[in-house]
Amino acid sequence: MGSDLSERLKILNLFDDVTAHGGQKIVLKCGVNKDGATAKWLKNNKQVSESVNVTITQNGKEFILTIKQAQRSDHGTYTCEVTLSNEKVKCTADITVQEFEKAWRTSDWDLNSRNKMMKELRLFKPEVDPIRILLHGPVGARKSSFVNSIDTVFRGHITSRALADAGTGKSFTKTYKSYRFRITGHPGFLPFVVNDIMGLEKKVSAGAHNDDIISALRGHIKDNQEFNPGSPLSEGDPGYNSSPSLKDKVHCLVSVLPADKISLIDDAVIKKMRKIREEASDMGIPQVVVMTMVDRACPVVAKDLRKIYTSLKIKEKMEECHIRLGVPMNCIFPLKNYHEEGSTVLELDCLILATLTQIIHLANDYLSTIFENVERVNFKPTAEMAKLVANIKPTVKMVTQMASIRPTAEMEKPVCLTDNDLL
């Protein structure tokens, strides 16, 4: 028996309020009693459009909205408006997205892990000692605070070797400064150096000049060189190193960005940073992002730093950073600098050490590749190798096979070898 044509349009199955963890799938279904109806999905009274993460489908009399991976931005009130001729019905419910149920990146927070990372860095033997790390980023990104935080971890008490910006909007760092670090109670320096540089600003005539940063990448800028934003350093200037060694060059480029202000960074500054990254990529230099001030970006993390890798907000800030700057997600490291603390904190130490360890390994991998390429180009057989070849005695089988070879016209053509053929 068919349905009553006089029956009014009505909803047969309603969707309820949903509470989901970040990354979980959410499906809303709204079914009606009549064929031929159309539906429109709204979020906070604005029409929902399909995207990579959101699909809108219809299965007969049922209308379906699917959120593949719940994000913080999916919070809201959702409505399905179904229309047929002059009839309209709707169903409404709220979606609440909580923090991730499981950490999306592993981290160790115990004292043994902290000490193990400290020991690894102390005993590390890089291809070039010291490994050189260059920090760059917009004014106010807390580059100098990151330097001080590294120093604090290794000294075991709060330090302020690098004078940090107090939020004036202008770069506090005026010179190209190198920092080396010691672990309290152990002799000698750690096998890396961190270079801090003037901050980037949107005006061409203000802040660090791109040409100066690129010169630093190539090892052309001497330590303590003062910057002139309107006039980048060039060959012949007193602070220009015209014959840099591999030790003078940068082995890892670190972009420092503030997590709470990524969306506010001027496009002109991002364009400068992308240009510097392109130059670094052409040189083969690895690049990472250190995302500071996570506590200001996420209240949950401000209360408990151990929740940094279950935080929806921090993950979204990393994705925003990935999109704007083009750095892969696994090369973006969120952390909190030492800022208000009066003594060292285990969680801060662990985050900073884990980030630093990754940077050191990336830089050393880059150096290993350089030396592998040099060895391949400069390969020369040793006397021992020549002796081994000379002592090879042909077998009867080898002689028989060689005797059976008949030269072809192609084989008799002269061959011209290039230097590349001999490598």
Protein backbone atom coordinates (compact mmCIF):
# COMPACT_ATOMS: atom_id res chain seq x y z
CA MET A 1 0.00 0.00 0.00
CA GLY A 2 1.53 3.39 -1.04
CA SER A 3 2.06 6.37 1.24
CA ASP A 4 -0.74 8.87 1.76
CA LEU A 5 -0.15 11.73 -0.69
CA SER A 6 -1.99 14.05 1.67
CA GLU A 7 0.44 13.25 4.50
CA ARG A 8 2.52 16.23 5.49
CA LEU A 9 6.33 16.22 5.15
CA LYS A 10 7.89 15.18 8.43
CA ILE A 11 11.19 13.96 9.85
CA LEU A 12 11.30 10.26 10.69
CA ASN A 13 14.72 10.11 12.31
CA LEU A 14 16.38 12.98 14.15
CA PHE A 15 20.07 13.40 14.90
CA ASP A 16 21.10 14.10 18.48
CA ASP A 17 23.75 16.30 20.08
CA VAL A 18 27.24 14.89 19.54
CA THR A 19 30.34 15.13 21.72
CA ALA A 20 33.49 13.85 20.01
CA HIS A 21 37.24 13.90 20.53
CA GLY A 22 39.52 15.59 18.04
CA GLY A 23 40.17 13.42 15.01
CA GLN A 24 37.04 11.32 15.44
CA LYS A 25 34.44 10.84 12.70
CA ILE A 26 31.03 12.49 13.11
CA VAL A 27 27.95 11.50 11.08
CA LEU A 28 24.62 13.37 11.20
CA LYS A 29 21.60 11.74 9.50
CA CYS A 30 18.20 13.24 8.85
CA GLY A 31 15.46 11.07 7.25
CA VAL A 32 12.03 12.16 6.00
CA ASN A 33 8.86 10.37 4.92
CA LYS A 34 8.59 11.56 1.30
CA ASP A 35 10.61 11.18 -1.90
CA GLY A 36 11.77 14.16 -3.94
CA ALA A 37 12.75 16.39 -1.05
CA THR A 38 15.96 18.47 -0.98
CA ALA A 39 18.05 19.47 2.02
CA LYS A 40 20.34 22.29 3.10
CA TRP A 41 22.80 21.96 5.99
CA LEU A 42 23.53 24.97 8.22
CA LYS A 43 26.11 25.58 10.92
CA ASN A 44 25.33 28.48 13.25
CA ASN A 45 22.73 29.61 10.66
CA LYS A 46 25.29 29.71 7.83
CA GLN A 47 25.19 27.20 4.97
CA VAL A 48 27.71 24.39 5.16
CA SER A 49 29.81 23.72 2.07
CA GLU A 50 31.64 20.51 1.26
CA SER A 51 35.39 20.43 1.85
CA VAL A 52 38.23 17.97 2.23
CA ASN A 53 36.97 17.20 5.73
CA VAL A 54 33.20 17.57 5.22
CA THR A 55 30.92 15.66 2.82
CA ILE A 56 27.18 16.06 2.20
CA THR A 57 25.35 13.11 0.65
CA GLN A 58 21.81 11.79 0.11
CA ASN A 59 20.60 8.20 0.30
CA GLY A 60 16.97 8.10 -0.84
CA LYS A 61 14.95 9.94 1.79
CA GLU A 62 17.95 10.30 4.11
CA PHE A 63 20.31 13.28 4.15
CA ILE A 64 23.80 12.79 5.60
CA LEU A 65 26.53 15.18 6.74
CA THR A 66 29.90 13.58 7.53
CA ILE A 67 32.84 15.21 9.28
CA LYS A 68 35.80 12.92 8.62
CA GLN A 69 38.05 14.18 11.41
CA ALA A 70 36.58 16.43 14.06
CA GLN A 71 38.43 19.69 14.64
CA ARG A 72 38.01 22.58 17.03
CA SER A 73 36.47 24.64 14.22
CA ASP A 74 33.66 22.04 13.89
CA HIS A 75 32.12 23.23 17.19
CA GLY A 76 28.63 24.61 16.62
CA THR A 77 24.89 24.19 16.13
CA TYR A 78 23.99 22.17 13.03
CA THR A 79 20.63 22.26 11.25
CA CYS A 80 19.28 20.16 8.39
CA GLU A 81 16.51 22.02 6.51
CA VAL A 82 14.47 19.71 4.27
CA THR A 83 12.18 21.21 1.64
CA LEU A 84 9.51 19.69 -0.66
CA SER A 85 7.31 22.04 -2.69
CA ASN A 86 6.02 24.54 -0.14
CA GLU A 87 6.73 22.35 2.87
CA LYS A 88 9.78 22.69 5.09
CA VAL A 89 10.96 20.77 8.15
CA LYS A 90 14.21 20.89 10.07
CA CYS A 91 16.29 19.14 12.68
CA THR A 92 18.88 20.83 14.92
CA ALA A 93 21.61 19.60 17.30
CA ASP A 94 24.93 20.72 18.76
CA ILE A 95 28.38 19.31 18.04
CA THR A 96 31.02 19.66 20.73
CA VAL A 97 34.62 18.73 19.96
CA GLN A 98 36.90 17.92 22.88
CA GLU A 99 40.67 17.54 22.96
CA PHE A 100 42.26 14.54 21.29
CA GLU A 101 41.66 11.32 23.21
CA LYS A 102 45.19 10.09 22.45
CA ALA A 103 48.37 12.09 21.91
CA TRP A 104 49.12 12.61 18.23
CA ARG A 105 52.85 12.81 18.96
CA THR A 106 54.70 10.88 21.64
CA SER A 107 56.77 12.58 24.32
CA ASP A 108 58.56 11.51 27.47
CA TRP A 109 58.17 13.68 30.55
CA ASP A 110 60.23 11.88 33.19
CA LEU A 111 63.59 12.80 34.70
CA ASN A 112 65.34 9.73 33.24
CA SER A 113 64.32 10.77 29.70
CA ARG A 114 65.54 14.32 30.35
CA ASN A 115 68.91 13.07 31.59
CA LYS A 116 69.20 10.62 28.70
CA MET A 117 68.70 13.41 26.14
CA MET A 118 71.22 15.63 27.98
CA LYS A 119 73.78 12.82 27.86
CA GLU A 120 73.14 12.09 24.19
CA LEU A 121 73.76 15.72 23.25
CA ARG A 122 76.85 15.93 25.48
CA LEU A 123 78.45 12.84 23.91
CA PHE A 124 77.26 13.47 20.35
CA LYS A 125 80.04 13.47 17.74
CA PRO A 126 78.84 15.40 14.68
CA GLU A 127 80.40 15.34 11.22
CA VAL A 128 81.42 18.98 11.84
CA ASP A 129 81.96 20.39 15.31
CA PRO A 130 80.18 22.63 16.05
CA ILE A 131 76.94 22.14 14.13
CA ARG A 132 75.63 25.61 13.26
CA ILE A 133 71.93 26.42 13.74
CA LEU A 134 70.44 29.71 12.51
CA LEU A 135 67.29 31.16 14.08
CA HIS A 136 65.15 33.57 12.08
CA GLY A 137 61.58 34.80 12.22
CA PRO A 138 59.36 37.85 12.71
CA VAL A 139 59.96 40.44 15.41
CA GLY A 140 58.48 39.22 18.69
CA ALA A 141 58.72 35.50 17.87
CA ARG A 142 60.94 35.01 20.96
CA LYS A 143 64.09 33.83 19.19
CA SER A 144 66.34 35.22 21.91
CA SER A 145 64.11 33.65 24.56
CA PHE A 146 64.62 30.30 22.85
CA VAL A 147 68.39 30.80 23.12
CA ASN A 148 68.02 31.60 26.82
CA SER A 149 65.75 28.59 27.31
CA ILE A 150 68.38 26.26 25.81
CA ASP A 151 70.98 27.79 28.09
CA THR A 152 68.68 27.43 31.10
CA VAL A 153 68.14 23.72 30.43
CA PHE A 154 71.87 22.97 30.33
CA ARG A 155 72.92 25.24 33.21
CA GLY A 156 70.09 24.13 35.47
CA HIS A 157 69.04 27.66 36.43
CA ILE A 158 67.34 30.61 34.75
CA THR A 159 69.68 32.56 32.44
CA SER A 160 69.42 35.58 30.15
CA ARG A 161 72.57 35.65 28.01
CA ALA A 162 70.60 36.74 24.96
CA LEU A 163 68.78 40.01 25.67
CA ALA A 164 65.14 39.36 24.78
CA ASP A 165 62.57 41.70 23.22
CA ALA A 166 60.06 43.15 25.67
CA GLY A 167 57.33 43.55 23.04
CA THR A 168 58.28 46.91 21.54
CA GLY A 169 57.45 45.82 17.98
CA LYS A 170 61.03 46.41 16.86
CA SER A 171 63.85 43.88 16.72
CA PHE A 172 65.90 43.87 19.92
CA THR A 173 68.68 41.83 18.30
CA LYS A 174 70.93 44.10 16.23
CA THR A 175 73.97 41.88 15.58
CA TYR A 176 74.76 38.42 14.25
CA LYS A 177 75.46 36.64 17.50
CA SER A 178 76.75 33.09 18.10
CA TYR A 179 75.93 31.20 21.29
CA ARG A 180 77.67 28.10 22.58
CA PHE A 181 76.49 26.09 25.55
CA ARG A 182 77.93 24.11 28.46
CA ILE A 183 76.34 21.59 30.81
CA THR A 184 76.92 22.54 34.42
CA GLY A 185 79.45 20.14 35.95
CA HIS A 186 80.90 19.01 32.62
CA PRO A 187 83.93 20.50 30.84
CA GLY A 188 83.90 21.82 27.30
CA PHE A 189 81.20 23.07 24.97
CA LEU A 190 78.30 21.11 23.53
CA PRO A 191 78.79 20.23 19.83
CA PHE A 192 76.53 22.92 18.39
CA VAL A 193 76.26 26.69 18.10
CA VAL A 194 73.07 28.76 17.75
CA ASN A 195 73.12 31.98 15.76
CA ASP A 196 70.53 34.65 16.50
CA ILE A 197 69.75 37.30 13.93
CA MET A 198 67.67 40.48 13.65
CA GLY A 199 63.90 39.91 13.38
CA LEU A 200 61.95 40.22 10.12
CA GLU A 201 59.52 43.10 9.55
CA LYS A 202 57.02 43.75 6.77
CA LYS A 203 58.79 46.88 5.48
CA VAL A 204 61.66 46.31 3.07
CA SER A 205 63.73 48.95 4.87
CA ALA A 206 63.10 47.55 8.37
CA GLY A 207 64.24 44.45 10.22
CA ALA A 208 66.66 41.83 8.93
CA HIS A 209 67.33 42.00 5.19
CA ASN A 210 66.75 38.76 3.28
CA ASP A 211 70.15 39.10 1.61
CA ASP A 212 71.84 39.19 5.02
CA ILE A 213 70.08 36.02 6.16
CA ILE A 214 70.99 34.27 2.91
CA SER A 215 74.60 35.43 3.35
CA ALA A 216 74.50 33.96 6.86
CA LEU A 217 73.32 30.64 5.42
CA ARG A 218 76.36 30.64 3.14
CA GLY A 219 78.72 31.50 6.03
CA HIS A 220 79.57 34.99 4.78
CA ILE A 221 78.66 36.93 7.95
CA LYS A 222 81.18 37.17 10.77
CA ASP A 223 80.18 36.95 14.40
CA ASN A 224 79.03 40.21 16.07
CA GLN A 225 78.41 41.89 12.72
CA GLU A 226 75.88 44.70 13.18
CA PHE A 227 73.02 44.82 10.70
CA ASN A 228 71.88 47.76 8.60
CA PRO A 229 68.36 46.93 7.32
CA GLY A 230 68.60 49.32 4.38
CA SER A 231 72.02 48.14 3.26
CA PRO A 232 72.78 44.40 3.34
CA LEU A 233 76.35 43.27 3.85
CA SER A 234 78.35 42.67 0.67
CA GLU A 235 81.78 41.43 -0.34
CA GLY A 236 84.50 43.84 0.71
CA ASP A 237 82.71 45.01 3.85
CA PRO A 238 84.66 44.48 7.13
CA GLY A 239 82.15 41.95 8.50
CA TYR A 240 81.98 39.90 5.29
CA ASN A 241 83.65 36.48 5.27
CA SER A 242 84.65 35.95 1.64
CA SER A 243 86.07 32.46 2.15
CA PRO A 244 83.75 30.61 4.53
CA SER A 245 84.55 27.08 5.64
CA LEU A 246 81.93 24.39 6.16
CA LYS A 247 82.01 25.26 9.87
CA ASP A 248 81.02 28.86 9.08
CA LYS A 249 77.99 27.80 7.04
CA VAL A 250 74.56 27.05 8.47
CA HIS A 251 73.63 23.37 8.86
CA CYS A 252 69.99 23.81 9.90
CA LEU A 253 67.60 26.76 9.44
CA VAL A 254 65.10 27.21 12.28
CA SER A 255 62.07 29.44 11.70
CA VAL A 256 60.71 30.70 15.03
CA LEU A 257 57.00 31.61 15.04
CA PRO A 258 54.65 32.60 17.90
CA ALA A 259 51.77 30.09 18.18
CA ASP A 260 49.30 32.72 19.39
CA LYS A 261 49.94 35.11 16.49
CA ILE A 262 50.54 32.92 13.42
CA SER A 263 47.37 34.14 11.72
CA LEU A 264 48.34 37.77 12.46
CA ILE A 265 51.80 37.65 10.87
CA ASP A 266 51.83 39.96 7.86
CA ASP A 267 51.90 38.28 4.46
CA ALA A 268 54.97 40.33 3.55
CA VAL A 269 56.90 38.72 6.42
CA ILE A 270 55.72 35.22 5.42
CA LYS A 271 56.82 35.96 1.85
CA LYS A 272 60.30 36.89 3.12
CA MET A 273 60.49 33.70 5.16
CA ARG A 274 59.41 31.56 2.21
CA LYS A 275 62.10 33.17 0.05
CA ILE A 276 64.75 32.36 2.66
CA ARG A 277 63.45 28.78 2.86
CA GLU A 278 63.71 28.45 -0.93
CA GLU A 279 67.33 29.56 -0.82
CA ALA A 280 68.04 27.11 2.02
CA SER A 281 66.35 24.32 0.05
CA ASP A 282 68.53 25.07 -2.98
CA MET A 283 71.56 24.60 -0.71
CA GLY A 284 70.12 21.38 0.72
CA ILE A 285 69.94 22.86 4.24
CA PRO A 286 67.25 21.21 6.42
CA GLN A 287 64.57 23.46 7.91
CA VAL A 288 62.29 23.23 10.92
CA VAL A 289 59.84 25.47 12.73
CA VAL A 290 59.96 26.11 16.46
CA MET A 291 56.48 27.28 17.46
CA THR A 292 56.77 29.24 20.70
CA MET A 293 54.23 30.60 23.21
CA VAL A 294 51.95 27.55 23.11
CA ASP A 295 50.65 28.48 26.55
CA ARG A 296 49.21 31.73 25.16
CA ALA A 297 47.64 29.92 22.22
CA CYS A 298 45.87 27.23 24.28
CA PRO A 299 44.46 27.57 27.82
CA VAL A 300 44.51 23.79 28.26
CA VAL A 301 48.26 23.71 27.62
CA ALA A 302 48.78 26.76 29.83
CA LYS A 303 47.39 24.71 32.73
CA ASP A 304 49.17 21.46 31.85
CA LEU A 305 52.06 21.42 29.38
CA ARG A 306 51.84 17.62 29.16
CA LYS A 307 48.61 18.04 27.18
CA ILE A 308 50.40 19.82 24.33
CA TYR A 309 50.07 16.79 22.05
CA THR A 310 46.39 16.20 22.81
CA SER A 311 45.47 19.85 22.27
CA LEU A 312 43.18 20.61 19.33
CA LYS A 313 44.29 24.24 19.31
CA ILE A 314 48.00 23.43 19.10
CA LYS A 315 47.43 20.92 16.29
CA GLU A 316 45.42 23.52 14.36
CA LYS A 317 48.13 26.15 14.90
CA MET A 318 50.70 23.70 13.54
CA GLU A 319 48.52 23.05 10.48
CA GLU A 320 48.16 26.80 9.95
CA CYS A 321 51.93 27.16 10.19
CA HIS A 322 52.35 24.28 7.73
CA ILE A 323 50.02 25.95 5.22
CA ARG A 324 51.48 29.45 5.52
CA LEU A 325 55.17 28.56 5.55
CA GLY A 326 55.16 25.21 3.72
CA VAL A 327 57.12 23.28 6.36
CA PRO A 328 56.07 19.61 6.83
CA MET A 329 54.10 18.87 10.00
CA ASN A 330 56.78 16.52 11.33
CA CYS A 331 59.29 19.38 11.18
CA ILE A 332 57.16 21.72 13.33
CA PHE A 333 57.93 21.64 17.05
CA PRO A 334 55.61 23.42 19.50
CA LEU A 335 57.17 24.40 22.81
CA LYS A 336 57.16 26.87 25.66
CA ASN A 337 60.19 29.03 26.39
CA TYR A 338 61.28 29.88 29.89
CA HIS A 339 59.58 33.19 30.52
CA GLU A 340 57.91 33.66 33.91
CA GLU A 341 59.48 30.71 35.74
CA GLY A 342 61.87 31.29 38.63
CA SER A 343 63.43 27.83 38.39
CA THR A 344 63.69 24.98 35.88
CA VAL A 345 60.63 22.88 35.05
CA LEU A 346 60.89 19.23 33.97
CA GLU A 347 58.22 19.51 31.25
CA LEU A 348 59.86 22.57 29.66
CA ASP A 349 63.26 20.87 29.73
CA CYS A 350 61.90 17.74 28.04
CA LEU A 351 60.18 19.68 25.23
CA ILE A 352 63.20 21.87 24.54
CA LEU A 353 65.65 18.94 24.62
CA ALA A 354 63.47 16.80 22.35
CA THR A 355 63.24 19.65 19.83
CA LEU A 356 66.96 20.36 19.99
CA THR A 357 67.82 16.68 19.53
CA GLN A 358 65.74 16.52 16.35
CA ILE A 359 67.40 19.68 15.00
CA ILE A 360 70.90 18.30 15.72
CA HIS A 361 70.14 15.01 13.97
CA LEU A 362 68.69 16.74 10.90
CA ALA A 363 71.76 19.00 10.66
CA ASN A 364 74.15 16.08 11.06
CA ASP A 365 72.30 14.06 8.40
CA TYR A 366 72.80 17.02 6.05
CA LEU A 367 76.54 17.09 6.83
CA SER A 368 76.80 13.33 6.34
CA THR A 369 75.28 13.73 2.86
CA ILE A 370 77.86 16.42 2.01
CA PHE A 371 80.76 14.17 3.02
CA GLU A 372 79.29 11.17 1.20
CA ASN A 373 79.10 13.22 -2.01
CA VAL A 374 82.69 14.45 -1.55
CA GLU A 375 83.96 10.91 -0.99
CA ARG A 376 82.15 9.69 -4.10
CA VAL A 377 83.61 12.46 -6.27
CA ASN A 378 87.14 12.08 -4.86
CA PHE A 379 87.19 8.29 -4.85
CA LYS A 380 90.62 6.88 -5.71
CA PRO A 381 91.59 3.20 -5.54
CA THR A 382 94.02 2.41 -2.76
CA ALA A 383 97.22 0.43 -3.23
CA GLU A 384 95.59 -2.49 -1.45
CA MET A 385 92.65 -2.45 -3.85
CA ALA A 386 94.99 -2.31 -6.88
CA LYS A 387 96.95 -5.27 -5.48
CA LEU A 388 93.79 -7.31 -5.08
CA VAL A 389 92.74 -6.62 -8.69
CA ALA A 390 96.23 -7.47 -9.99
CA ASN A 391 96.14 -10.81 -8.21
CA ILE A 392 92.92 -11.95 -9.86
CA LYS A 393 93.70 -15.13 -11.88
CA PRO A 394 91.35 -15.88 -14.80
CA THR A 395 89.72 -19.29 -14.66
CA VAL A 396 89.33 -21.65 -17.63
CA LYS A 397 85.63 -20.81 -17.73
CA MET A 398 86.37 -17.04 -17.88
CA VAL A 399 88.89 -17.50 -20.72
CA THR A 400 86.47 -19.68 -22.69
CA GLN A 401 83.68 -17.13 -22.33
CA MET A 402 85.93 -14.24 -23.40
CA ALA A 403 87.17 -16.17 -26.44
CA SER A 404 83.63 -16.75 -27.64
CA ILE A 405 82.85 -13.02 -27.79
CA ARG A 406 82.77 -11.64 -31.36
CA PRO A 407 83.04 -7.85 -31.78
CA THR A 408 80.04 -6.12 -33.35
CA ALA A 409 80.04 -2.98 -35.45
CA GLU A 410 78.63 -1.05 -32.48
CA MET A 411 81.41 -2.32 -30.18
CA GLU A 412 84.10 -1.22 -32.66
CA LYS A 413 82.94 2.42 -32.61
CA PRO A 414 85.24 4.78 -30.65
CA VAL A 415 83.96 5.80 -27.21
CA CYS A 416 84.49 9.27 -25.74
CA LEU A 417 84.39 9.34 -21.94
CA THR A 418 83.60 12.44 -19.89
CA ASP A 419 84.68 13.22 -16.34
CA ASN A 420 81.21 12.20 -15.14
CA ASP A 421 81.61 8.75 -16.69
CA LEU A 422 84.74 8.20 -14.64
CA LEU A 423 83.08 8.99 -11.27
